[in-house]
Amino acid sequence: MPKPVNVNLDEVEMNPDRVEVRWGSKEVISKVFSIKKDTVTKWIADMRDNPQFREYVINPSHRIVMINLDGFEEYVRWLQDNRYRRNKSK
């Protein structure tokens, strides 16, 4: 027989917008970073091709893509640092 789970409701965050989000869909990334969804799609494809950022994009199914928000921010900063370089540093 399973044991009952005790939950202290004072410690549970009730507002989902305020919960720390680690992974999100393309729509979430687009909203959080104020970037068009087409741009997010291109950048995610580039992240998959780059071994440094590949781990931040996962596809649990052929229709679902999940992106790590911290990893995406790291990728955007990497894009900024490598903006004018002919051969991007990996």
C-alpha atoms as a PDB file:
ATOM      1  CA  MET A   1       0.000   0.000   0.000  1.00  0.00           C
ATOM      2  CA  PRO A   2       1.467   3.434  -0.947  1.00  0.00           C
ATOM      3  CA  LYS A   3       2.303   5.877   1.803  1.00  0.00           C
ATOM      4  CA  PRO A   4       0.422   9.193   1.847  1.00  0.00           C
ATOM      5  CA  VAL A   5       2.346  12.254   0.728  1.00  0.00           C
ATOM      6  CA  ASN A   6       2.372  15.272   3.025  1.00  0.00           C
ATOM      7  CA  VAL A   7       2.544  18.637   1.257  1.00  0.00           C
ATOM      8  CA  ASN A   8       2.917  21.964   3.021  1.00  0.00           C
ATOM      9  CA  LEU A   9       0.738  24.292   0.928  1.00  0.00           C
ATOM     10  CA  ASP A  10       2.533  27.355   2.308  1.00  0.00           C
ATOM     11  CA  GLU A  11       5.677  26.240   0.448  1.00  0.00           C
ATOM     12  CA  VAL A  12       3.935  25.560  -2.867  1.00  0.00           C
ATOM     13  CA  GLU A  13       4.007  28.352  -5.442  1.00  0.00           C
ATOM     14  CA  MET A  14       0.466  28.950  -6.698  1.00  0.00           C
ATOM     15  CA  ASN A  15       1.238  31.406  -9.506  1.00  0.00           C
ATOM     16  CA  PRO A  16       2.640  29.462 -12.510  1.00  0.00           C
ATOM     17  CA  ASP A  17       4.074  32.646 -14.062  1.00  0.00           C
ATOM     18  CA  ARG A  18       6.361  33.103 -11.075  1.00  0.00           C
ATOM     19  CA  VAL A  19       7.682  29.551 -10.938  1.00  0.00           C
ATOM     20  CA  GLU A  20      11.295  29.133 -12.039  1.00  0.00           C
ATOM     21  CA  VAL A  21      11.084  27.673 -15.552  1.00  0.00           C
ATOM     22  CA  ARG A  22      14.045  25.664 -16.856  1.00  0.00           C
ATOM     23  CA  TRP A  23      12.701  24.236 -20.127  1.00  0.00           C
ATOM     24  CA  GLY A  24      10.279  25.704 -22.629  1.00  0.00           C
ATOM     25  CA  SER A  25       8.792  25.321 -26.088  1.00  0.00           C
ATOM     26  CA  LYS A  26       9.506  27.573 -29.062  1.00  0.00           C
ATOM     27  CA  GLU A  27       6.526  29.695 -28.035  1.00  0.00           C
ATOM     28  CA  VAL A  28       7.911  30.145 -24.510  1.00  0.00           C
ATOM     29  CA  ILE A  29      11.372  31.059 -25.830  1.00  0.00           C
ATOM     30  CA  SER A  30       9.794  33.508 -28.278  1.00  0.00           C
ATOM     31  CA  LYS A  31       7.811  35.164 -25.496  1.00  0.00           C
ATOM     32  CA  VAL A  32      10.582  35.240 -22.881  1.00  0.00           C
ATOM     33  CA  PHE A  33      13.235  36.660 -25.219  1.00  0.00           C
ATOM     34  CA  SER A  34      10.876  38.755 -27.411  1.00  0.00           C
ATOM     35  CA  ILE A  35      12.102  37.065 -30.593  1.00  0.00           C
ATOM     36  CA  LYS A  36      10.002  35.990 -33.581  1.00  0.00           C
ATOM     37  CA  LYS A  37       9.201  32.281 -33.708  1.00  0.00           C
ATOM     38  CA  ASP A  38      10.878  31.916 -37.140  1.00  0.00           C
ATOM     39  CA  THR A  39      14.120  33.288 -35.685  1.00  0.00           C
ATOM     40  CA  VAL A  40      13.863  30.913 -32.724  1.00  0.00           C
ATOM     41  CA  THR A  41      13.396  28.002 -35.159  1.00  0.00           C
ATOM     42  CA  LYS A  42      16.541  28.952 -37.116  1.00  0.00           C
ATOM     43  CA  TRP A  43      18.598  29.416 -33.961  1.00  0.00           C
ATOM     44  CA  ILE A  44      17.434  26.082 -32.521  1.00  0.00           C
ATOM     45  CA  ALA A  45      18.550  24.356 -35.727  1.00  0.00           C
ATOM     46  CA  ASP A  46      21.941  26.064 -35.345  1.00  0.00           C
ATOM     47  CA  MET A  47      22.109  24.998 -31.682  1.00  0.00           C
ATOM     48  CA  ARG A  48      21.537  21.370 -32.719  1.00  0.00           C
ATOM     49  CA  ASP A  49      24.448  21.595 -35.198  1.00  0.00           C
ATOM     50  CA  ASN A  50      26.826  23.108 -32.629  1.00  0.00           C
ATOM     51  CA  PRO A  51      28.268  20.532 -30.176  1.00  0.00           C
ATOM     52  CA  GLN A  52      28.636  23.242 -27.510  1.00  0.00           C
ATOM     53  CA  PHE A  53      24.847  23.864 -27.417  1.00  0.00           C
ATOM     54  CA  ARG A  54      23.387  20.543 -28.595  1.00  0.00           C
ATOM     55  CA  GLU A  55      22.579  19.428 -25.036  1.00  0.00           C
ATOM     56  CA  TYR A  56      20.192  22.372 -24.525  1.00  0.00           C
ATOM     57  CA  VAL A  57      17.700  21.173 -27.176  1.00  0.00           C
ATOM     58  CA  ILE A  58      15.803  17.919 -26.705  1.00  0.00           C
ATOM     59  CA  ASN A  59      13.078  16.284 -28.790  1.00  0.00           C
ATOM     60  CA  PRO A  60      11.044  13.790 -26.756  1.00  0.00           C
ATOM     61  CA  SER A  61       8.894  13.204 -29.866  1.00  0.00           C
ATOM     62  CA  HIS A  62       8.886  14.326 -33.497  1.00  0.00           C
ATOM     63  CA  ARG A  63       6.474  17.200 -32.701  1.00  0.00           C
ATOM     64  CA  ILE A  64       7.731  18.339 -29.302  1.00  0.00           C
ATOM     65  CA  VAL A  65      10.888  20.373 -28.833  1.00  0.00           C
ATOM     66  CA  MET A  66      12.114  21.527 -25.440  1.00  0.00           C
ATOM     67  CA  ILE A  67      14.767  24.192 -25.032  1.00  0.00           C
ATOM     68  CA  ASN A  68      16.694  24.999 -21.876  1.00  0.00           C
ATOM     69  CA  LEU A  69      16.213  28.712 -21.156  1.00  0.00           C
ATOM     70  CA  ASP A  70      19.661  29.168 -19.589  1.00  0.00           C
ATOM     71  CA  GLY A  71      21.255  27.333 -22.519  1.00  0.00           C
ATOM     72  CA  PHE A  72      19.376  29.485 -25.010  1.00  0.00           C
ATOM     73  CA  GLU A  73      20.561  32.631 -23.249  1.00  0.00           C
ATOM     74  CA  GLU A  74      24.120  31.299 -23.345  1.00  0.00           C
ATOM     75  CA  TYR A  75      23.702  30.662 -27.088  1.00  0.00           C
ATOM     76  CA  VAL A  76      22.411  34.214 -27.695  1.00  0.00           C
ATOM     77  CA  ARG A  77      25.416  35.632 -25.824  1.00  0.00           C
ATOM     78  CA  TRP A  78      27.687  33.369 -27.904  1.00  0.00           C
ATOM     79  CA  LEU A  79      26.051  34.761 -31.064  1.00  0.00           C
ATOM     80  CA  GLN A  80      26.764  38.279 -29.837  1.00  0.00           C
ATOM     81  CA  ASP A  81      30.428  37.467 -29.121  1.00  0.00           C
ATOM     82  CA  ASN A  82      30.898  35.806 -32.526  1.00  0.00           C
ATOM     83  CA  ARG A  83      28.848  38.221 -34.595  1.00  0.00           C
ATOM     84  CA  TYR A  84      31.549  39.402 -36.994  1.00  0.00           C
ATOM     85  CA  ARG A  85      33.830  36.365 -37.014  1.00  0.00           C
ATOM     86  CA  ARG A  86      34.145  34.480 -40.258  1.00  0.00           C
ATOM     87  CA  ASN A  87      34.840  31.155 -38.522  1.00  0.00           C
ATOM     88  CA  LYS A  88      32.744  30.988 -35.382  1.00  0.00           C
ATOM     89  CA  SER A  89      34.594  29.732 -32.342  1.00  0.00           C
ATOM     90  CA  LYS A  90      33.059  26.595 -30.885  1.00  0.00           C
END
